[in-house]
Amino acid sequence: METIIKISPSELDKNLLDKIRAFIGTKENVDVTISIREFNDDYADALDQSINEAENTLSLVSFTMDDFMAYSPSKTQ
């Protein structure tokens, strides 16, 4: 059985913890996971634009992780 309880941050208090404990009861084989999700429209739009540019640009530069860590951009004017 899986139960998802969605709440707002303002509901995070001792009463909520007490309700979760009461729901679980004396069961020992229960995992409780807290997941925090934040969605920012501006960030999602910028990420979509970056993905689109990367997929449709011939001048895309790619690096291995070692090359990226060693990369030092030169100043251009």
PDB file of N, CA and C in Angstrom:
ATOM      1  N   MET A   1       0.849  -1.178   0.000  1.00  0.00           N
ATOM      2  CA  MET A   1       0.000   0.000   0.000  1.00  0.00           C
ATOM      3  C   MET A   1       0.892   1.237   0.000  1.00  0.00           C
ATOM      4  N   GLU A   2       0.519   2.212  -0.781  1.00  0.00           N
ATOM      5  CA  GLU A   2       1.250   3.466  -0.811  1.00  0.00           C
ATOM      6  C   GLU A   2       0.259   4.606  -0.628  1.00  0.00           C
ATOM      7  N   THR A   3       0.611   5.535   0.233  1.00  0.00           N
ATOM      8  CA  THR A   3      -0.233   6.694   0.480  1.00  0.00           C
ATOM      9  C   THR A   3       0.580   7.955   0.254  1.00  0.00           C
ATOM     10  N   ILE A   4       0.034   8.879  -0.500  1.00  0.00           N
ATOM     11  CA  ILE A   4       0.684  10.169  -0.723  1.00  0.00           C
ATOM     12  C   ILE A   4      -0.174  11.229  -0.042  1.00  0.00           C
ATOM     13  N   ILE A   5       0.453  11.990   0.813  1.00  0.00           N
ATOM     14  CA  ILE A   5      -0.228  13.073   1.520  1.00  0.00           C
ATOM     15  C   ILE A   5       0.417  14.371   1.063  1.00  0.00           C
ATOM     16  N   LYS A   6      -0.353  15.225   0.432  1.00  0.00           N
ATOM     17  CA  LYS A   6       0.170  16.502  -0.045  1.00  0.00           C
ATOM     18  C   LYS A   6      -0.284  17.598   0.917  1.00  0.00           C
ATOM     19  N   ILE A   7       0.679  18.388   1.365  1.00  0.00           N
ATOM     20  CA  ILE A   7       0.377  19.454   2.314  1.00  0.00           C
ATOM     21  C   ILE A   7       1.147  20.710   1.935  1.00  0.00           C
ATOM     22  N   SER A   8       0.748  21.808   2.498  1.00  0.00           N
ATOM     23  CA  SER A   8       1.484  23.055   2.305  1.00  0.00           C
ATOM     24  C   SER A   8       2.474  23.213   3.458  1.00  0.00           C
ATOM     25  N   PRO A   9       3.525  23.987   3.264  1.00  0.00           N
ATOM     26  CA  PRO A   9       4.512  24.170   4.333  1.00  0.00           C
ATOM     27  C   PRO A   9       3.907  24.687   5.638  1.00  0.00           C
ATOM     28  N   SER A  10       2.840  25.445   5.547  1.00  0.00           N
ATOM     29  CA  SER A  10       2.227  25.977   6.768  1.00  0.00           C
ATOM     30  C   SER A  10       1.607  24.882   7.634  1.00  0.00           C
ATOM     31  N   GLU A  11       1.377  23.709   7.054  1.00  0.00           N
ATOM     32  CA  GLU A  11       0.792  22.599   7.802  1.00  0.00           C
ATOM     33  C   GLU A  11       1.833  21.735   8.514  1.00  0.00           C
ATOM     34  N   LEU A  12       3.104  22.023   8.316  1.00  0.00           N
ATOM     35  CA  LEU A  12       4.157  21.241   8.952  1.00  0.00           C
ATOM     36  C   LEU A  12       4.274  21.650  10.415  1.00  0.00           C
ATOM     37  N   ASP A  13       3.690  20.854  11.270  1.00  0.00           N
ATOM     38  CA  ASP A  13       3.763  21.122  12.701  1.00  0.00           C
ATOM     39  C   ASP A  13       3.660  19.811  13.473  1.00  0.00           C
ATOM     40  N   LYS A  14       3.691  19.893  14.774  1.00  0.00           N
ATOM     41  CA  LYS A  14       3.639  18.707  15.624  1.00  0.00           C
ATOM     42  C   LYS A  14       2.341  17.927  15.418  1.00  0.00           C
ATOM     43  N   ASN A  15       1.244  18.614  15.195  1.00  0.00           N
ATOM     44  CA  ASN A  15      -0.034  17.937  14.985  1.00  0.00           C
ATOM     45  C   ASN A  15       0.016  17.012  13.767  1.00  0.00           C
ATOM     46  N   LEU A  16       0.668  17.462  12.706  1.00  0.00           N
ATOM     47  CA  LEU A  16       0.789  16.625  11.513  1.00  0.00           C
ATOM     48  C   LEU A  16       1.601  15.368  11.827  1.00  0.00           C
ATOM     49  N   LEU A  17       2.714  15.534  12.527  1.00  0.00           N
ATOM     50  CA  LEU A  17       3.526  14.381  12.902  1.00  0.00           C
ATOM     51  C   LEU A  17       2.726  13.399  13.756  1.00  0.00           C
ATOM     52  N   ASP A  18       1.941  13.916  14.680  1.00  0.00           N
ATOM     53  CA  ASP A  18       1.100  13.054  15.513  1.00  0.00           C
ATOM     54  C   ASP A  18       0.080  12.284  14.667  1.00  0.00           C
ATOM     55  N   LYS A  19      -0.489  12.936  13.654  1.00  0.00           N
ATOM     56  CA  LYS A  19      -1.456  12.274  12.781  1.00  0.00           C
ATOM     57  C   LYS A  19      -0.780  11.175  11.953  1.00  0.00           C
ATOM     58  N   ILE A  20       0.433  11.439  11.489  1.00  0.00           N
ATOM     59  CA  ILE A  20       1.157  10.421  10.726  1.00  0.00           C
ATOM     60  C   ILE A  20       1.473   9.225  11.619  1.00  0.00           C
ATOM     61  N   ARG A  21       1.920   9.501  12.828  1.00  0.00           N
ATOM     62  CA  ARG A  21       2.195   8.405  13.769  1.00  0.00           C
ATOM     63  C   ARG A  21       0.943   7.587  14.036  1.00  0.00           C
ATOM     64  N   ALA A  22      -0.196   8.247  14.219  1.00  0.00           N
ATOM     65  CA  ALA A  22      -1.451   7.528  14.464  1.00  0.00           C
ATOM     66  C   ALA A  22      -1.840   6.689  13.251  1.00  0.00           C
ATOM     67  N   PHE A  23      -1.609   7.213  12.054  1.00  0.00           N
ATOM     68  CA  PHE A  23      -1.928   6.492  10.827  1.00  0.00           C
ATOM     69  C   PHE A  23      -1.086   5.226  10.705  1.00  0.00           C
ATOM     70  N   ILE A  24       0.201   5.341  11.035  1.00  0.00           N
ATOM     71  CA  ILE A  24       1.114   4.201  10.946  1.00  0.00           C
ATOM     72  C   ILE A  24       0.816   3.181  12.040  1.00  0.00           C
ATOM     73  N   GLY A  25       0.461   3.656  13.202  1.00  0.00           N
ATOM     74  CA  GLY A  25       0.178   2.751  14.316  1.00  0.00           C
ATOM     75  C   GLY A  25       1.440   2.092  14.824  1.00  0.00           C
ATOM     76  N   THR A  26       1.366   0.802  15.088  1.00  0.00           N
ATOM     77  CA  THR A  26       2.507   0.069  15.645  1.00  0.00           C
ATOM     78  C   THR A  26       3.292  -0.687  14.591  1.00  0.00           C
ATOM     79  N   LYS A  27       2.990  -0.462  13.327  1.00  0.00           N
ATOM     80  CA  LYS A  27       3.694  -1.160  12.243  1.00  0.00           C
ATOM     81  C   LYS A  27       5.173  -0.785  12.252  1.00  0.00           C
ATOM     82  N   GLU A  28       6.031  -1.778  12.087  1.00  0.00           N
ATOM     83  CA  GLU A  28       7.471  -1.550  12.079  1.00  0.00           C
ATOM     84  C   GLU A  28       8.053  -1.534  10.668  1.00  0.00           C
ATOM     85  N   ASN A  29       7.316  -2.044   9.710  1.00  0.00           N
ATOM     86  CA  ASN A  29       7.837  -2.174   8.341  1.00  0.00           C
ATOM     87  C   ASN A  29       7.303  -1.058   7.434  1.00  0.00           C
ATOM     88  N   VAL A  30       7.408   0.178   7.907  1.00  0.00           N
ATOM     89  CA  VAL A  30       6.881   1.326   7.178  1.00  0.00           C
ATOM     90  C   VAL A  30       8.021   2.308   6.899  1.00  0.00           C
ATOM     91  N   ASP A  31       8.091   2.793   5.676  1.00  0.00           N
ATOM     92  CA  ASP A  31       9.023   3.859   5.317  1.00  0.00           C
ATOM     93  C   ASP A  31       8.221   5.143   5.132  1.00  0.00           C
ATOM     94  N   VAL A  32       8.715   6.230   5.661  1.00  0.00           N
ATOM     95  CA  VAL A  32       8.102   7.541   5.469  1.00  0.00           C
ATOM     96  C   VAL A  32       9.090   8.375   4.667  1.00  0.00           C
ATOM     97  N   THR A  33       8.635   8.895   3.541  1.00  0.00           N
ATOM     98  CA  THR A  33       9.477   9.705   2.670  1.00  0.00           C
ATOM     99  C   THR A  33       8.891  11.101   2.577  1.00  0.00           C
ATOM    100  N   ILE A  34       9.733  12.107   2.751  1.00  0.00           N
ATOM    101  CA  ILE A  34       9.302  13.493   2.584  1.00  0.00           C
ATOM    102  C   ILE A  34       9.965  14.004   1.317  1.00  0.00           C
ATOM    103  N   SER A  35       9.164  14.472   0.379  1.00  0.00           N
ATOM    104  CA  SER A  35       9.660  14.968  -0.897  1.00  0.00           C
ATOM    105  C   SER A  35       9.267  16.436  -1.032  1.00  0.00           C
ATOM    106  N   ILE A  36      10.242  17.265  -1.326  1.00  0.00           N
ATOM    107  CA  ILE A  36       9.974  18.690  -1.500  1.00  0.00           C
ATOM    108  C   ILE A  36      10.132  19.005  -2.979  1.00  0.00           C
ATOM    109  N   ARG A  37       9.086  19.532  -3.559  1.00  0.00           N
ATOM    110  CA  ARG A  37       9.118  19.888  -4.983  1.00  0.00           C
ATOM    111  C   ARG A  37       8.805  21.358  -5.122  1.00  0.00           C
ATOM    112  N   GLU A  38       9.625  22.006  -5.894  1.00  0.00           N
ATOM    113  CA  GLU A  38       9.425  23.426  -6.158  1.00  0.00           C
ATOM    114  C   GLU A  38       9.422  23.600  -7.667  1.00  0.00           C
ATOM    115  N   PHE A  39       8.463  24.313  -8.173  1.00  0.00           N
ATOM    116  CA  PHE A  39       8.390  24.541  -9.604  1.00  0.00           C
ATOM    117  C   PHE A  39       8.450  26.029  -9.867  1.00  0.00           C
ATOM    118  N   ASN A  40       9.383  26.424 -10.702  1.00  0.00           N
ATOM    119  CA  ASN A  40       9.567  27.824 -11.046  1.00  0.00           C
ATOM    120  C   ASN A  40       9.387  27.954 -12.556  1.00  0.00           C
ATOM    121  N   ASP A  41       8.342  28.660 -12.971  1.00  0.00           N
ATOM    122  CA  ASP A  41       8.037  28.795 -14.404  1.00  0.00           C
ATOM    123  C   ASP A  41       9.187  29.424 -15.183  1.00  0.00           C
ATOM    124  N   ASP A  42       9.834  30.461 -14.624  1.00  0.00           N
ATOM    125  CA  ASP A  42      10.928  31.127 -15.338  1.00  0.00           C
ATOM    126  C   ASP A  42      12.092  30.173 -15.566  1.00  0.00           C
ATOM    127  N   TYR A  43      12.421  29.377 -14.543  1.00  0.00           N
ATOM    128  CA  TYR A  43      13.516  28.412 -14.678  1.00  0.00           C
ATOM    129  C   TYR A  43      13.169  27.350 -15.725  1.00  0.00           C
ATOM    130  N   ALA A  44      11.941  26.844 -15.674  1.00  0.00           N
ATOM    131  CA  ALA A  44      11.523  25.817 -16.638  1.00  0.00           C
ATOM    132  C   ALA A  44      11.569  26.361 -18.060  1.00  0.00           C
ATOM    133  N   ASP A  45      11.123  27.606 -18.257  1.00  0.00           N
ATOM    134  CA  ASP A  45      11.166  28.216 -19.589  1.00  0.00           C
ATOM    135  C   ASP A  45      12.604  28.387 -20.071  1.00  0.00           C
ATOM    136  N   ALA A  46      13.499  28.842 -19.189  1.00  0.00           N
ATOM    137  CA  ALA A  46      14.903  29.022 -19.560  1.00  0.00           C
ATOM    138  C   ALA A  46      15.553  27.681 -19.883  1.00  0.00           C
ATOM    139  N   LEU A  47      15.216  26.657 -19.121  1.00  0.00           N
ATOM    140  CA  LEU A  47      15.754  25.324 -19.381  1.00  0.00           C
ATOM    141  C   LEU A  47      15.264  24.789 -20.723  1.00  0.00           C
ATOM    142  N   ASP A  48      13.972  24.952 -21.014  1.00  0.00           N
ATOM    143  CA  ASP A  48      13.430  24.527 -22.309  1.00  0.00           C
ATOM    144  C   ASP A  48      14.120  25.253 -23.459  1.00  0.00           C
ATOM    145  N   GLN A  49      14.362  26.554 -23.291  1.00  0.00           N
ATOM    146  CA  GLN A  49      15.030  27.331 -24.331  1.00  0.00           C
ATOM    147  C   GLN A  49      16.464  26.833 -24.534  1.00  0.00           C
ATOM    148  N   SER A  50      17.160  26.548 -23.441  1.00  0.00           N
ATOM    149  CA  SER A  50      18.531  26.048 -23.543  1.00  0.00           C
ATOM    150  C   SER A  50      18.579  24.699 -24.243  1.00  0.00           C
ATOM    151  N   ILE A  51      17.645  23.830 -23.922  1.00  0.00           N
ATOM    152  CA  ILE A  51      17.585  22.507 -24.571  1.00  0.00           C
ATOM    153  C   ILE A  51      17.333  22.674 -26.061  1.00  0.00           C
ATOM    154  N   ASN A  52      16.395  23.544 -26.414  1.00  0.00           N
ATOM    155  CA  ASN A  52      16.077  23.792 -27.815  1.00  0.00           C
ATOM    156  C   ASN A  52      17.297  24.333 -28.564  1.00  0.00           C
ATOM    157  N   GLU A  53      18.003  25.276 -27.952  1.00  0.00           N
ATOM    158  CA  GLU A  53      19.193  25.840 -28.591  1.00  0.00           C
ATOM    159  C   GLU A  53      20.273  24.772 -28.767  1.00  0.00           C
ATOM    160  N   ALA A  54      20.451  23.927 -27.762  1.00  0.00           N
ATOM    161  CA  ALA A  54      21.474  22.880 -27.842  1.00  0.00           C
ATOM    162  C   ALA A  54      21.143  21.876 -28.938  1.00  0.00           C
ATOM    163  N   GLU A  55      19.871  21.558 -29.097  1.00  0.00           N
ATOM    164  CA  GLU A  55      19.465  20.587 -30.108  1.00  0.00           C
ATOM    165  C   GLU A  55      19.513  21.147 -31.525  1.00  0.00           C
ATOM    166  N   ASN A  56      19.449  22.474 -31.659  1.00  0.00           N
ATOM    167  CA  ASN A  56      19.335  23.076 -32.986  1.00  0.00           C
ATOM    168  C   ASN A  56      20.492  23.998 -33.355  1.00  0.00           C
ATOM    169  N   THR A  57      21.604  23.899 -32.655  1.00  0.00           N
ATOM    170  CA  THR A  57      22.738  24.769 -32.924  1.00  0.00           C
ATOM    171  C   THR A  57      23.921  23.942 -33.393  1.00  0.00           C
ATOM    172  N   LEU A  58      24.488  24.346 -34.508  1.00  0.00           N
ATOM    173  CA  LEU A  58      25.643  23.634 -35.046  1.00  0.00           C
ATOM    174  C   LEU A  58      26.919  23.976 -34.288  1.00  0.00           C
ATOM    175  N   SER A  59      26.944  25.111 -33.612  1.00  0.00           N
ATOM    176  CA  SER A  59      28.176  25.538 -32.939  1.00  0.00           C
ATOM    177  C   SER A  59      28.211  25.099 -31.472  1.00  0.00           C
ATOM    178  N   LEU A  60      27.496  24.051 -31.165  1.00  0.00           N
ATOM    179  CA  LEU A  60      27.469  23.529 -29.800  1.00  0.00           C
ATOM    180  C   LEU A  60      28.834  22.948 -29.443  1.00  0.00           C
ATOM    181  N   VAL A  61      29.331  23.285 -28.271  1.00  0.00           N
ATOM    182  CA  VAL A  61      30.615  22.777 -27.798  1.00  0.00           C
ATOM    183  C   VAL A  61      30.331  21.764 -26.699  1.00  0.00           C
ATOM    184  N   SER A  62      30.967  20.600 -26.780  1.00  0.00           N
ATOM    185  CA  SER A  62      30.767  19.601 -25.734  1.00  0.00           C
ATOM    186  C   SER A  62      32.112  19.232 -25.117  1.00  0.00           C
ATOM    187  N   PHE A  63      32.065  18.811 -23.873  1.00  0.00           N
ATOM    188  CA  PHE A  63      33.256  18.481 -23.107  1.00  0.00           C
ATOM    189  C   PHE A  63      33.067  17.142 -22.403  1.00  0.00           C
ATOM    190  N   THR A  64      34.185  16.452 -22.166  1.00  0.00           N
ATOM    191  CA  THR A  64      34.146  15.382 -21.180  1.00  0.00           C
ATOM    192  C   THR A  64      34.172  16.074 -19.821  1.00  0.00           C
ATOM    193  N   MET A  65      33.877  15.367 -18.760  1.00  0.00           N
ATOM    194  CA  MET A  65      33.893  15.990 -17.441  1.00  0.00           C
ATOM    195  C   MET A  65      35.299  16.479 -17.092  1.00  0.00           C
ATOM    196  N   ASP A  66      36.325  15.705 -17.430  1.00  0.00           N
ATOM    197  CA  ASP A  66      37.700  16.130 -17.144  1.00  0.00           C
ATOM    198  C   ASP A  66      38.058  17.390 -17.919  1.00  0.00           C
ATOM    199  N   ASP A  67      37.673  17.441 -19.206  1.00  0.00           N
ATOM    200  CA  ASP A  67      37.934  18.636 -20.003  1.00  0.00           C
ATOM    201  C   ASP A  67      37.187  19.846 -19.448  1.00  0.00           C
ATOM    202  N   PHE A  68      35.958  19.633 -19.023  1.00  0.00           N
ATOM    203  CA  PHE A  68      35.164  20.736 -18.467  1.00  0.00           C
ATOM    204  C   PHE A  68      35.804  21.276 -17.194  1.00  0.00           C
ATOM    205  N   MET A  69      36.248  20.376 -16.323  1.00  0.00           N
ATOM    206  CA  MET A  69      36.848  20.811 -15.061  1.00  0.00           C
ATOM    207  C   MET A  69      38.164  21.561 -15.314  1.00  0.00           C
ATOM    208  N   ALA A  70      38.868  21.223 -16.384  1.00  0.00           N
ATOM    209  CA  ALA A  70      40.137  21.875 -16.708  1.00  0.00           C
ATOM    210  C   ALA A  70      39.941  23.132 -17.561  1.00  0.00           C
ATOM    211  N   TYR A  71      38.744  23.348 -18.067  1.00  0.00           N
ATOM    212  CA  TYR A  71      38.480  24.459 -18.994  1.00  0.00           C
ATOM    213  C   TYR A  71      38.604  25.807 -18.293  1.00  0.00           C
ATOM    214  N   SER A  72      39.280  26.718 -18.934  1.00  0.00           N
ATOM    215  CA  SER A  72      39.408  28.078 -18.446  1.00  0.00           C
ATOM    216  C   SER A  72      39.131  29.001 -19.628  1.00  0.00           C
ATOM    217  N   PRO A  73      37.963  29.623 -19.674  1.00  0.00           N
ATOM    218  CA  PRO A  73      37.625  30.447 -20.835  1.00  0.00           C
ATOM    219  C   PRO A  73      38.582  31.637 -20.976  1.00  0.00           C
ATOM    220  N   SER A  74      38.984  31.897 -22.194  1.00  0.00           N
ATOM    221  CA  SER A  74      39.868  33.039 -22.429  1.00  0.00           C
ATOM    222  C   SER A  74      39.007  34.278 -22.627  1.00  0.00           C
ATOM    223  N   LYS A  75      39.565  35.404 -22.296  1.00  0.00           N
ATOM    224  CA  LYS A  75      38.846  36.671 -22.477  1.00  0.00           C
ATOM    225  C   LYS A  75      38.890  37.032 -23.964  1.00  0.00           C
ATOM    226  N   THR A  76      37.713  37.337 -24.528  1.00  0.00           N
ATOM    227  CA  THR A  76      37.658  37.766 -25.917  1.00  0.00           C
ATOM    228  C   THR A  76      36.994  39.122 -25.961  1.00  0.00           C
ATOM    229  N   GLN A  77      37.435  39.932 -26.904  1.00  0.00           N
ATOM    230  CA  GLN A  77      36.839  41.265 -27.043  1.00  0.00           C
ATOM    231  C   GLN A  77      36.365  41.483 -28.441  1.00  0.00           C
TER     232      GLN A  77
END
